[in-house]
ModelCIF file with pLDDT and N, C-alpha, C, O atoms, coordinates in Angstrom:
data_MODEL
#
_entry.id   MODEL 
#
_entity.id                         1 
_entity.type                       polymer 
_entity.pdbx_number_of_molecules   1 
#
_entity_poly.entity_id                      1 
_entity_poly.type                           'polypeptide(L)' 
_entity_poly.nstd_linkage                   no 
_entity_poly.nstd_monomer                   no 
_entity_poly.pdbx_seq_one_letter_code       WAWLWITAGTIAIAAAWMPPRRDWWGFLALVVIVIPWTLSYLASWWP 
_entity_poly.pdbx_seq_one_letter_code_can   WAWLWITAGTIAIAAAWMPPRRDWWGFLALVVIVIPWTLSYLASWWP 
_entity_poly.pdbx_strand_id                 A 
#
loop_
_entity_poly_seq.entity_id 
_entity_poly_seq.num 
_entity_poly_seq.mon_id 
_entity_poly_seq.hetero 
1 1  TRP n 
1 2  ALA n 
1 3  TRP n 
1 4  LEU n 
1 5  TRP n 
1 6  ILE n 
1 7  THR n 
1 8  ALA n 
1 9  GLY n 
1 10 THR n 
1 11 ILE n 
1 12 ALA n 
1 13 ILE n 
1 14 ALA n 
1 15 ALA n 
1 16 ALA n 
1 17 TRP n 
1 18 MET n 
1 19 PRO n 
1 20 PRO n 
1 21 ARG n 
1 22 ARG n 
1 23 ASP n 
1 24 TRP n 
1 25 TRP n 
1 26 GLY n 
1 27 PHE n 
1 28 LEU n 
1 29 ALA n 
1 30 LEU n 
1 31 VAL n 
1 32 VAL n 
1 33 ILE n 
1 34 VAL n 
1 35 ILE n 
1 36 PRO n 
1 37 TRP n 
1 38 THR n 
1 39 LEU n 
1 40 SER n 
1 41 TYR n 
1 42 LEU n 
1 43 ALA n 
1 44 SER n 
1 45 TRP n 
1 46 TRP n 
1 47 PRO n 
#
_struct_asym.id          A 
_struct_asym.entity_id   1 
#
loop_
_ma_qa_metric.id 
_ma_qa_metric.mode 
_ma_qa_metric.name 
_ma_qa_metric.software_group_id 
_ma_qa_metric.type 
1 global pLDDT . pLDDT 
2 local  pLDDT . pLDDT 
#
_ma_qa_metric_global.metric_id      1 
_ma_qa_metric_global.metric_value   97.09 
_ma_qa_metric_global.model_id       1 
_ma_qa_metric_global.ordinal_id     1 
#
loop_
_ma_qa_metric_local.label_asym_id 
_ma_qa_metric_local.label_comp_id 
_ma_qa_metric_local.label_seq_id 
_ma_qa_metric_local.metric_id 
_ma_qa_metric_local.metric_value 
_ma_qa_metric_local.model_id 
_ma_qa_metric_local.ordinal_id 
A TRP 1  2 98.00 1 1  
A ALA 2  2 98.00 1 2  
A TRP 3  2 98.00 1 3  
A LEU 4  2 98.00 1 4  
A TRP 5  2 98.00 1 5  
A ILE 6  2 99.00 1 6  
A THR 7  2 98.00 1 7  
A ALA 8  2 98.00 1 8  
A GLY 9  2 99.00 1 9  
A THR 10 2 98.00 1 10 
A ILE 11 2 98.00 1 11 
A ALA 12 2 98.00 1 12 
A ILE 13 2 98.00 1 13 
A ALA 14 2 98.00 1 14 
A ALA 15 2 98.00 1 15 
A ALA 16 2 97.00 1 16 
A TRP 17 2 96.00 1 17 
A MET 18 2 95.00 1 18 
A PRO 19 2 92.00 1 19 
A PRO 20 2 90.00 1 20 
A ARG 21 2 89.00 1 21 
A ARG 22 2 95.00 1 22 
A ASP 23 2 97.00 1 23 
A TRP 24 2 97.00 1 24 
A TRP 25 2 98.00 1 25 
A GLY 26 2 98.00 1 26 
A PHE 27 2 98.00 1 27 
A LEU 28 2 98.00 1 28 
A ALA 29 2 98.00 1 29 
A LEU 30 2 98.00 1 30 
A VAL 31 2 98.00 1 31 
A VAL 32 2 98.00 1 32 
A ILE 33 2 98.00 1 33 
A VAL 34 2 98.00 1 34 
A ILE 35 2 98.00 1 35 
A PRO 36 2 98.00 1 36 
A TRP 37 2 97.00 1 37 
A THR 38 2 98.00 1 38 
A LEU 39 2 98.00 1 39 
A SER 40 2 98.00 1 40 
A TYR 41 2 98.00 1 41 
A LEU 42 2 98.00 1 42 
A ALA 43 2 97.00 1 43 
A SER 44 2 97.00 1 44 
A TRP 45 2 97.00 1 45 
A TRP 46 2 95.00 1 46 
A PRO 47 2 94.00 1 47 
#
loop_
_atom_site.group_PDB 
_atom_site.id 
_atom_site.type_symbol 
_atom_site.label_atom_id 
_atom_site.label_alt_id 
_atom_site.label_comp_id 
_atom_site.label_asym_id 
_atom_site.label_entity_id 
_atom_site.label_seq_id 
_atom_site.pdbx_PDB_ins_code 
_atom_site.Cartn_x 
_atom_site.Cartn_y 
_atom_site.Cartn_z 
_atom_site.occupancy 
_atom_site.B_iso_or_equiv 
_atom_site.pdbx_formal_charge 
_atom_site.auth_seq_id 
_atom_site.auth_comp_id 
_atom_site.auth_asym_id 
_atom_site.auth_atom_id 
_atom_site.pdbx_PDB_model_num 
ATOM 1   N N  . TRP A 1 1  ? -8.263  3.028   8.685   1.00 98.00 ? 1  TRP A N  1 
ATOM 2   C CA . TRP A 1 1  ? -7.701  2.109   7.906   1.00 98.00 ? 1  TRP A CA 1 
ATOM 3   C C  . TRP A 1 1  ? -7.803  3.317   6.881   1.00 98.00 ? 1  TRP A C  1 
ATOM 4   O O  . TRP A 1 1  ? -6.809  3.800   6.338   1.00 98.00 ? 1  TRP A O  1 
ATOM 5   N N  . ALA A 1 2  ? -9.451  3.876   6.613   1.00 98.00 ? 2  ALA A N  1 
ATOM 6   C CA . ALA A 1 2  ? -9.103  4.661   5.150   1.00 98.00 ? 2  ALA A CA 1 
ATOM 7   C C  . ALA A 1 2  ? -8.095  5.737   4.979   1.00 98.00 ? 2  ALA A C  1 
ATOM 8   O O  . ALA A 1 2  ? -7.418  5.879   3.961   1.00 98.00 ? 2  ALA A O  1 
ATOM 9   N N  . TRP A 1 3  ? -8.027  6.594   6.187   1.00 98.00 ? 3  TRP A N  1 
ATOM 10  C CA . TRP A 1 3  ? -6.656  7.517   6.200   1.00 98.00 ? 3  TRP A CA 1 
ATOM 11  C C  . TRP A 1 3  ? -5.552  6.373   6.076   1.00 98.00 ? 3  TRP A C  1 
ATOM 12  O O  . TRP A 1 3  ? -4.797  7.054   5.383   1.00 98.00 ? 3  TRP A O  1 
ATOM 13  N N  . LEU A 1 4  ? -4.877  5.175   6.207   1.00 98.00 ? 4  LEU A N  1 
ATOM 14  C CA . LEU A 1 4  ? -3.979  4.666   6.065   1.00 98.00 ? 4  LEU A CA 1 
ATOM 15  C C  . LEU A 1 4  ? -4.008  4.194   4.361   1.00 98.00 ? 4  LEU A C  1 
ATOM 16  O O  . LEU A 1 4  ? -2.944  4.072   3.753   1.00 98.00 ? 4  LEU A O  1 
ATOM 17  N N  . TRP A 1 5  ? -5.164  3.984   3.777   1.00 98.00 ? 5  TRP A N  1 
ATOM 18  C CA . TRP A 1 5  ? -5.279  4.244   2.116   1.00 98.00 ? 5  TRP A CA 1 
ATOM 19  C C  . TRP A 1 5  ? -5.036  5.362   1.748   1.00 98.00 ? 5  TRP A C  1 
ATOM 20  O O  . TRP A 1 5  ? -4.264  5.488   0.798   1.00 98.00 ? 5  TRP A O  1 
ATOM 21  N N  . ILE A 1 6  ? -5.577  6.465   2.335   1.00 99.00 ? 6  ILE A N  1 
ATOM 22  C CA . ILE A 1 6  ? -5.039  7.436   1.730   1.00 99.00 ? 6  ILE A CA 1 
ATOM 23  C C  . ILE A 1 6  ? -3.639  7.985   1.792   1.00 99.00 ? 6  ILE A C  1 
ATOM 24  O O  . ILE A 1 6  ? -3.170  8.653   0.871   1.00 99.00 ? 6  ILE A O  1 
ATOM 25  N N  . THR A 1 7  ? -2.945  7.677   2.948   1.00 98.00 ? 7  THR A N  1 
ATOM 26  C CA . THR A 1 7  ? -1.241  7.921   2.978   1.00 98.00 ? 7  THR A CA 1 
ATOM 27  C C  . THR A 1 7  ? -0.807  7.083   2.126   1.00 98.00 ? 7  THR A C  1 
ATOM 28  O O  . THR A 1 7  ? -0.120  7.611   1.252   1.00 98.00 ? 7  THR A O  1 
ATOM 29  N N  . ALA A 1 8  ? -0.978  5.677   2.014   1.00 98.00 ? 8  ALA A N  1 
ATOM 30  C CA . ALA A 1 8  ? -0.510  4.816   1.225   1.00 98.00 ? 8  ALA A CA 1 
ATOM 31  C C  . ALA A 1 8  ? -0.564  5.354   -0.665  1.00 98.00 ? 8  ALA A C  1 
ATOM 32  O O  . ALA A 1 8  ? 0.257   5.179   -1.565  1.00 98.00 ? 8  ALA A O  1 
ATOM 33  N N  . GLY A 1 9  ? -1.511  5.833   -0.653  1.00 99.00 ? 9  GLY A N  1 
ATOM 34  C CA . GLY A 1 9  ? -1.842  6.309   -2.023  1.00 99.00 ? 9  GLY A CA 1 
ATOM 35  C C  . GLY A 1 9  ? -1.204  7.847   -2.271  1.00 99.00 ? 9  GLY A C  1 
ATOM 36  O O  . GLY A 1 9  ? -1.196  8.231   -3.440  1.00 99.00 ? 9  GLY A O  1 
ATOM 37  N N  . THR A 1 10 ? -0.752  8.611   -1.396  1.00 98.00 ? 10 THR A N  1 
ATOM 38  C CA . THR A 1 10 ? -0.240  9.661   -1.466  1.00 98.00 ? 10 THR A CA 1 
ATOM 39  C C  . THR A 1 10 ? 1.447   9.792   -1.337  1.00 98.00 ? 10 THR A C  1 
ATOM 40  O O  . THR A 1 10 ? 2.200   10.740  -1.558  1.00 98.00 ? 10 THR A O  1 
ATOM 41  N N  . ILE A 1 11 ? 1.708   8.310   -0.847  1.00 98.00 ? 11 ILE A N  1 
ATOM 42  C CA . ILE A 1 11 ? 3.073   7.624   -0.576  1.00 98.00 ? 11 ILE A CA 1 
ATOM 43  C C  . ILE A 1 11 ? 3.317   7.698   -1.953  1.00 98.00 ? 11 ILE A C  1 
ATOM 44  O O  . ILE A 1 11 ? 4.221   8.403   -2.401  1.00 98.00 ? 11 ILE A O  1 
ATOM 45  N N  . ALA A 1 12 ? 2.573   7.018   -2.663  1.00 98.00 ? 12 ALA A N  1 
ATOM 46  C CA . ALA A 1 12 ? 3.156   6.700   -3.912  1.00 98.00 ? 12 ALA A CA 1 
ATOM 47  C C  . ALA A 1 12 ? 2.839   7.710   -4.994  1.00 98.00 ? 12 ALA A C  1 
ATOM 48  O O  . ALA A 1 12 ? 3.695   7.856   -5.866  1.00 98.00 ? 12 ALA A O  1 
ATOM 49  N N  . ILE A 1 13 ? 1.707   8.442   -5.061  1.00 98.00 ? 13 ILE A N  1 
ATOM 50  C CA . ILE A 1 13 ? 1.843   9.835   -5.761  1.00 98.00 ? 13 ILE A CA 1 
ATOM 51  C C  . ILE A 1 13 ? 3.198   10.688  -5.639  1.00 98.00 ? 13 ILE A C  1 
ATOM 52  O O  . ILE A 1 13 ? 3.708   11.104  -6.679  1.00 98.00 ? 13 ILE A O  1 
ATOM 53  N N  . ALA A 1 14 ? 3.739   10.934  -4.515  1.00 98.00 ? 14 ALA A N  1 
ATOM 54  C CA . ALA A 1 14 ? 5.051   11.704  -4.310  1.00 98.00 ? 14 ALA A CA 1 
ATOM 55  C C  . ALA A 1 14 ? 5.990   10.360  -4.728  1.00 98.00 ? 14 ALA A C  1 
ATOM 56  O O  . ALA A 1 14 ? 6.828   10.784  -5.524  1.00 98.00 ? 14 ALA A O  1 
ATOM 57  N N  . ALA A 1 15 ? 6.179   8.994   -4.527  1.00 98.00 ? 15 ALA A N  1 
ATOM 58  C CA . ALA A 1 15 ? 7.313   8.392   -5.374  1.00 98.00 ? 15 ALA A CA 1 
ATOM 59  C C  . ALA A 1 15 ? 7.437   8.458   -6.788  1.00 98.00 ? 15 ALA A C  1 
ATOM 60  O O  . ALA A 1 15 ? 8.478   8.305   -7.428  1.00 98.00 ? 15 ALA A O  1 
ATOM 61  N N  . ALA A 1 16 ? 6.074   8.743   -7.319  1.00 97.00 ? 16 ALA A N  1 
ATOM 62  C CA . ALA A 1 16 ? 6.075   8.550   -8.901  1.00 97.00 ? 16 ALA A CA 1 
ATOM 63  C C  . ALA A 1 16 ? 7.015   9.819   -8.889  1.00 97.00 ? 16 ALA A C  1 
ATOM 64  O O  . ALA A 1 16 ? 8.035   9.134   -8.957  1.00 97.00 ? 16 ALA A O  1 
ATOM 65  N N  . TRP A 1 17 ? 7.535   11.186  -8.857  1.00 96.00 ? 17 TRP A N  1 
ATOM 66  C CA . TRP A 1 17 ? 8.417   11.865  -8.998  1.00 96.00 ? 17 TRP A CA 1 
ATOM 67  C C  . TRP A 1 17 ? 9.251   11.459  -9.159  1.00 96.00 ? 17 TRP A C  1 
ATOM 68  O O  . TRP A 1 17 ? 9.823   11.621  -10.237 1.00 96.00 ? 17 TRP A O  1 
ATOM 69  N N  . MET A 1 18 ? 9.905   10.512  -7.904  1.00 95.00 ? 18 MET A N  1 
ATOM 70  C CA . MET A 1 18 ? 11.230  10.329  -7.863  1.00 95.00 ? 18 MET A CA 1 
ATOM 71  C C  . MET A 1 18 ? 12.254  9.434   -8.499  1.00 95.00 ? 18 MET A C  1 
ATOM 72  O O  . MET A 1 18 ? 11.975  8.237   -8.575  1.00 95.00 ? 18 MET A O  1 
ATOM 73  N N  . PRO A 1 19 ? 13.356  9.843   -8.945  1.00 92.00 ? 19 PRO A N  1 
ATOM 74  C CA . PRO A 1 19 ? 14.143  9.287   -10.315 1.00 92.00 ? 19 PRO A CA 1 
ATOM 75  C C  . PRO A 1 19 ? 13.901  7.584   -9.616  1.00 92.00 ? 19 PRO A C  1 
ATOM 76  O O  . PRO A 1 19 ? 13.622  7.185   -8.486  1.00 92.00 ? 19 PRO A O  1 
ATOM 77  N N  . PRO A 1 20 ? 14.142  6.972   -10.786 1.00 90.00 ? 20 PRO A N  1 
ATOM 78  C CA . PRO A 1 20 ? 13.835  5.310   -10.486 1.00 90.00 ? 20 PRO A CA 1 
ATOM 79  C C  . PRO A 1 20 ? 14.771  4.682   -9.732  1.00 90.00 ? 20 PRO A C  1 
ATOM 80  O O  . PRO A 1 20 ? 15.924  5.107   -9.804  1.00 90.00 ? 20 PRO A O  1 
ATOM 81  N N  . ARG A 1 21 ? 14.490  3.629   -8.922  1.00 89.00 ? 21 ARG A N  1 
ATOM 82  C CA . ARG A 1 21 ? 15.252  3.125   -7.598  1.00 89.00 ? 21 ARG A CA 1 
ATOM 83  C C  . ARG A 1 21 ? 15.344  3.917   -6.908  1.00 89.00 ? 21 ARG A C  1 
ATOM 84  O O  . ARG A 1 21 ? 16.216  3.658   -6.079  1.00 89.00 ? 21 ARG A O  1 
ATOM 85  N N  . ARG A 1 22 ? 14.770  5.075   -6.724  1.00 95.00 ? 22 ARG A N  1 
ATOM 86  C CA . ARG A 1 22 ? 14.868  5.773   -5.356  1.00 95.00 ? 22 ARG A CA 1 
ATOM 87  C C  . ARG A 1 22 ? 12.958  5.896   -5.201  1.00 95.00 ? 22 ARG A C  1 
ATOM 88  O O  . ARG A 1 22 ? 12.483  6.583   -4.297  1.00 95.00 ? 22 ARG A O  1 
ATOM 89  N N  . ASP A 1 23 ? 12.368  5.409   -5.845  1.00 97.00 ? 23 ASP A N  1 
ATOM 90  C CA . ASP A 1 23 ? 10.845  5.578   -6.025  1.00 97.00 ? 23 ASP A CA 1 
ATOM 91  C C  . ASP A 1 23 ? 10.331  4.226   -4.958  1.00 97.00 ? 23 ASP A C  1 
ATOM 92  O O  . ASP A 1 23 ? 9.143   4.184   -4.638  1.00 97.00 ? 23 ASP A O  1 
ATOM 93  N N  . TRP A 1 24 ? 11.200  3.255   -4.494  1.00 97.00 ? 24 TRP A N  1 
ATOM 94  C CA . TRP A 1 24 ? 11.067  2.023   -4.007  1.00 97.00 ? 24 TRP A CA 1 
ATOM 95  C C  . TRP A 1 24 ? 9.806   2.280   -2.980  1.00 97.00 ? 24 TRP A C  1 
ATOM 96  O O  . TRP A 1 24 ? 8.909   1.441   -2.896  1.00 97.00 ? 24 TRP A O  1 
ATOM 97  N N  . TRP A 1 25 ? 9.789   3.713   -2.061  1.00 98.00 ? 25 TRP A N  1 
ATOM 98  C CA . TRP A 1 25 ? 8.929   3.192   -1.020  1.00 98.00 ? 25 TRP A CA 1 
ATOM 99  C C  . TRP A 1 25 ? 7.679   3.749   -1.115  1.00 98.00 ? 25 TRP A C  1 
ATOM 100 O O  . TRP A 1 25 ? 6.860   3.861   -0.203  1.00 98.00 ? 25 TRP A O  1 
ATOM 101 N N  . GLY A 1 26 ? 7.548   4.159   -2.480  1.00 98.00 ? 26 GLY A N  1 
ATOM 102 C CA . GLY A 1 26 ? 5.938   4.352   -3.184  1.00 98.00 ? 26 GLY A CA 1 
ATOM 103 C C  . GLY A 1 26 ? 5.296   2.802   -3.428  1.00 98.00 ? 26 GLY A C  1 
ATOM 104 O O  . GLY A 1 26 ? 4.237   2.473   -2.893  1.00 98.00 ? 26 GLY A O  1 
ATOM 105 N N  . PHE A 1 27 ? 5.984   1.992   -4.207  1.00 98.00 ? 27 PHE A N  1 
ATOM 106 C CA . PHE A 1 27 ? 5.620   0.574   -4.192  1.00 98.00 ? 27 PHE A CA 1 
ATOM 107 C C  . PHE A 1 27 ? 5.422   0.303   -2.990  1.00 98.00 ? 27 PHE A C  1 
ATOM 108 O O  . PHE A 1 27 ? 4.262   0.350   -2.580  1.00 98.00 ? 27 PHE A O  1 
ATOM 109 N N  . LEU A 1 28 ? 6.607   -0.092  -1.998  1.00 98.00 ? 28 LEU A N  1 
ATOM 110 C CA . LEU A 1 28 ? 6.086   -0.490  -0.565  1.00 98.00 ? 28 LEU A CA 1 
ATOM 111 C C  . LEU A 1 28 ? 4.850   -0.175  -0.057  1.00 98.00 ? 28 LEU A C  1 
ATOM 112 O O  . LEU A 1 28 ? 4.005   -0.939  0.410   1.00 98.00 ? 28 LEU A O  1 
ATOM 113 N N  . ALA A 1 29 ? 4.810   1.286   -0.219  1.00 98.00 ? 29 ALA A N  1 
ATOM 114 C CA . ALA A 1 29 ? 3.173   1.612   0.354   1.00 98.00 ? 29 ALA A CA 1 
ATOM 115 C C  . ALA A 1 29 ? 2.024   1.059   -0.320  1.00 98.00 ? 29 ALA A C  1 
ATOM 116 O O  . ALA A 1 29 ? 0.881   1.102   0.137   1.00 98.00 ? 29 ALA A O  1 
ATOM 117 N N  . LEU A 1 30 ? 2.377   0.505   -1.489  1.00 98.00 ? 30 LEU A N  1 
ATOM 118 C CA . LEU A 1 30 ? 0.872   0.259   -2.291  1.00 98.00 ? 30 LEU A CA 1 
ATOM 119 C C  . LEU A 1 30 ? 0.708   -1.437  -1.717  1.00 98.00 ? 30 LEU A C  1 
ATOM 120 O O  . LEU A 1 30 ? -0.285  -2.020  -1.282  1.00 98.00 ? 30 LEU A O  1 
ATOM 121 N N  . VAL A 1 31 ? 1.793   -1.803  -1.877  1.00 98.00 ? 31 VAL A N  1 
ATOM 122 C CA . VAL A 1 31 ? 1.606   -3.565  -1.159  1.00 98.00 ? 31 VAL A CA 1 
ATOM 123 C C  . VAL A 1 31 ? 1.208   -3.362  0.009   1.00 98.00 ? 31 VAL A C  1 
ATOM 124 O O  . VAL A 1 31 ? 0.112   -3.882  0.221   1.00 98.00 ? 31 VAL A O  1 
ATOM 125 N N  . VAL A 1 32 ? 1.882   -2.523  1.325   1.00 98.00 ? 32 VAL A N  1 
ATOM 126 C CA . VAL A 1 32 ? 1.942   -3.052  2.178   1.00 98.00 ? 32 VAL A CA 1 
ATOM 127 C C  . VAL A 1 32 ? 0.357   -2.794  2.878   1.00 98.00 ? 32 VAL A C  1 
ATOM 128 O O  . VAL A 1 32 ? -0.114  -3.594  3.687   1.00 98.00 ? 32 VAL A O  1 
ATOM 129 N N  . ILE A 1 33 ? -0.317  -1.640  2.460   1.00 98.00 ? 33 ILE A N  1 
ATOM 130 C CA . ILE A 1 33 ? -1.709  -1.554  2.676   1.00 98.00 ? 33 ILE A CA 1 
ATOM 131 C C  . ILE A 1 33 ? -2.730  -2.471  2.173   1.00 98.00 ? 33 ILE A C  1 
ATOM 132 O O  . ILE A 1 33 ? -3.819  -2.561  2.741   1.00 98.00 ? 33 ILE A O  1 
ATOM 133 N N  . VAL A 1 34 ? -2.398  -3.244  1.003   1.00 98.00 ? 34 VAL A N  1 
ATOM 134 C CA . VAL A 1 34 ? -3.398  -4.444  0.756   1.00 98.00 ? 34 VAL A CA 1 
ATOM 135 C C  . VAL A 1 34 ? -3.226  -5.346  1.586   1.00 98.00 ? 34 VAL A C  1 
ATOM 136 O O  . VAL A 1 34 ? -4.291  -5.880  1.896   1.00 98.00 ? 34 VAL A O  1 
ATOM 137 N N  . ILE A 1 35 ? -2.050  -5.893  2.255   1.00 98.00 ? 35 ILE A N  1 
ATOM 138 C CA . ILE A 1 35 ? -1.616  -6.890  2.977   1.00 98.00 ? 35 ILE A CA 1 
ATOM 139 C C  . ILE A 1 35 ? -2.750  -7.423  3.936   1.00 98.00 ? 35 ILE A C  1 
ATOM 140 O O  . ILE A 1 35 ? -3.386  -8.441  3.662   1.00 98.00 ? 35 ILE A O  1 
ATOM 141 N N  . PRO A 1 36 ? -2.967  -6.674  5.080   1.00 98.00 ? 36 PRO A N  1 
ATOM 142 C CA . PRO A 1 36 ? -4.203  -6.655  5.843   1.00 98.00 ? 36 PRO A CA 1 
ATOM 143 C C  . PRO A 1 36 ? -5.084  -6.553  5.414   1.00 98.00 ? 36 PRO A C  1 
ATOM 144 O O  . PRO A 1 36 ? -6.039  -6.856  6.129   1.00 98.00 ? 36 PRO A O  1 
ATOM 145 N N  . TRP A 1 37 ? -5.354  -6.126  4.158   1.00 97.00 ? 37 TRP A N  1 
ATOM 146 C CA . TRP A 1 37 ? -7.163  -6.003  4.179   1.00 97.00 ? 37 TRP A CA 1 
ATOM 147 C C  . TRP A 1 37 ? -7.184  -7.308  3.216   1.00 97.00 ? 37 TRP A C  1 
ATOM 148 O O  . TRP A 1 37 ? -8.282  -7.832  3.029   1.00 97.00 ? 37 TRP A O  1 
ATOM 149 N N  . THR A 1 38 ? -6.179  -7.796  2.671   1.00 98.00 ? 38 THR A N  1 
ATOM 150 C CA . THR A 1 38 ? -6.280  -9.409  1.692   1.00 98.00 ? 38 THR A CA 1 
ATOM 151 C C  . THR A 1 38 ? -6.254  -10.296 2.793   1.00 98.00 ? 38 THR A C  1 
ATOM 152 O O  . THR A 1 38 ? -7.204  -11.075 2.866   1.00 98.00 ? 38 THR A O  1 
ATOM 153 N N  . LEU A 1 39 ? -5.363  -10.354 3.683   1.00 98.00 ? 39 LEU A N  1 
ATOM 154 C CA . LEU A 1 39 ? -5.673  -11.615 4.518   1.00 98.00 ? 39 LEU A CA 1 
ATOM 155 C C  . LEU A 1 39 ? -6.801  -11.187 5.627   1.00 98.00 ? 39 LEU A C  1 
ATOM 156 O O  . LEU A 1 39 ? -6.684  -11.984 6.558   1.00 98.00 ? 39 LEU A O  1 
ATOM 157 N N  . SER A 1 40 ? -7.771  -10.314 5.880   1.00 98.00 ? 40 SER A N  1 
ATOM 158 C CA . SER A 1 40 ? -8.799  -10.120 6.279   1.00 98.00 ? 40 SER A CA 1 
ATOM 159 C C  . SER A 1 40 ? -9.965  -10.534 5.375   1.00 98.00 ? 40 SER A C  1 
ATOM 160 O O  . SER A 1 40 ? -10.990 -10.929 5.930   1.00 98.00 ? 40 SER A O  1 
ATOM 161 N N  . TYR A 1 41 ? -9.929  -10.501 4.492   1.00 98.00 ? 41 TYR A N  1 
ATOM 162 C CA . TYR A 1 41 ? -10.982 -11.360 3.676   1.00 98.00 ? 41 TYR A CA 1 
ATOM 163 C C  . TYR A 1 41 ? -10.900 -12.404 3.582   1.00 98.00 ? 41 TYR A C  1 
ATOM 164 O O  . TYR A 1 41 ? -11.941 -13.059 3.531   1.00 98.00 ? 41 TYR A O  1 
ATOM 165 N N  . LEU A 1 42 ? -9.315  -13.220 3.498   1.00 98.00 ? 42 LEU A N  1 
ATOM 166 C CA . LEU A 1 42 ? -9.406  -14.494 3.497   1.00 98.00 ? 42 LEU A CA 1 
ATOM 167 C C  . LEU A 1 42 ? -9.449  -15.266 4.610   1.00 98.00 ? 42 LEU A C  1 
ATOM 168 O O  . LEU A 1 42 ? -9.572  -16.489 4.554   1.00 98.00 ? 42 LEU A O  1 
ATOM 169 N N  . ALA A 1 43 ? -9.328  -14.454 5.935   1.00 97.00 ? 43 ALA A N  1 
ATOM 170 C CA . ALA A 1 43 ? -9.795  -15.112 7.418   1.00 97.00 ? 43 ALA A CA 1 
ATOM 171 C C  . ALA A 1 43 ? -11.386 -15.117 7.031   1.00 97.00 ? 43 ALA A C  1 
ATOM 172 O O  . ALA A 1 43 ? -12.160 -16.073 7.065   1.00 97.00 ? 43 ALA A O  1 
ATOM 173 N N  . SER A 1 44 ? -11.558 -14.191 6.771   1.00 97.00 ? 44 SER A N  1 
ATOM 174 C CA . SER A 1 44 ? -13.282 -14.300 7.056   1.00 97.00 ? 44 SER A CA 1 
ATOM 175 C C  . SER A 1 44 ? -14.272 -15.133 6.085   1.00 97.00 ? 44 SER A C  1 
ATOM 176 O O  . SER A 1 44 ? -15.439 -15.485 6.256   1.00 97.00 ? 44 SER A O  1 
ATOM 177 N N  . TRP A 1 45 ? -13.242 -15.352 4.835   1.00 97.00 ? 45 TRP A N  1 
ATOM 178 C CA . TRP A 1 45 ? -13.731 -16.559 4.727   1.00 97.00 ? 45 TRP A CA 1 
ATOM 179 C C  . TRP A 1 45 ? -13.667 -18.129 5.250   1.00 97.00 ? 45 TRP A C  1 
ATOM 180 O O  . TRP A 1 45 ? -14.576 -18.786 5.757   1.00 97.00 ? 45 TRP A O  1 
ATOM 181 N N  . TRP A 1 46 ? -12.178 -18.557 4.938   1.00 95.00 ? 46 TRP A N  1 
ATOM 182 C CA . TRP A 1 46 ? -11.431 -19.531 5.842   1.00 95.00 ? 46 TRP A CA 1 
ATOM 183 C C  . TRP A 1 46 ? -10.701 -19.094 6.672   1.00 95.00 ? 46 TRP A C  1 
ATOM 184 O O  . TRP A 1 46 ? -9.762  -18.440 6.217   1.00 95.00 ? 46 TRP A O  1 
ATOM 185 N N  . PRO A 1 47 ? -10.762 -19.207 7.883   1.00 94.00 ? 47 PRO A N  1 
ATOM 186 C CA . PRO A 1 47 ? -11.275 -20.274 8.346   1.00 94.00 ? 47 PRO A CA 1 
ATOM 187 C C  . PRO A 1 47 ? -12.788 -20.260 8.934   1.00 94.00 ? 47 PRO A C  1 
ATOM 188 O O  . PRO A 1 47 ? -13.286 -21.292 9.383   1.00 94.00 ? 47 PRO A O  1 
#
């Protein structure tokens, strides 16, 4: 998971230098890594 976070961050950093609207994959990487993390915390609390 740590390497997945590093990879998502690296993808976003690389996408930062792309022209607008061609940088979408950086935004996607930032959100996709957070989803399982968030759901895991949610499930650990409830149910």
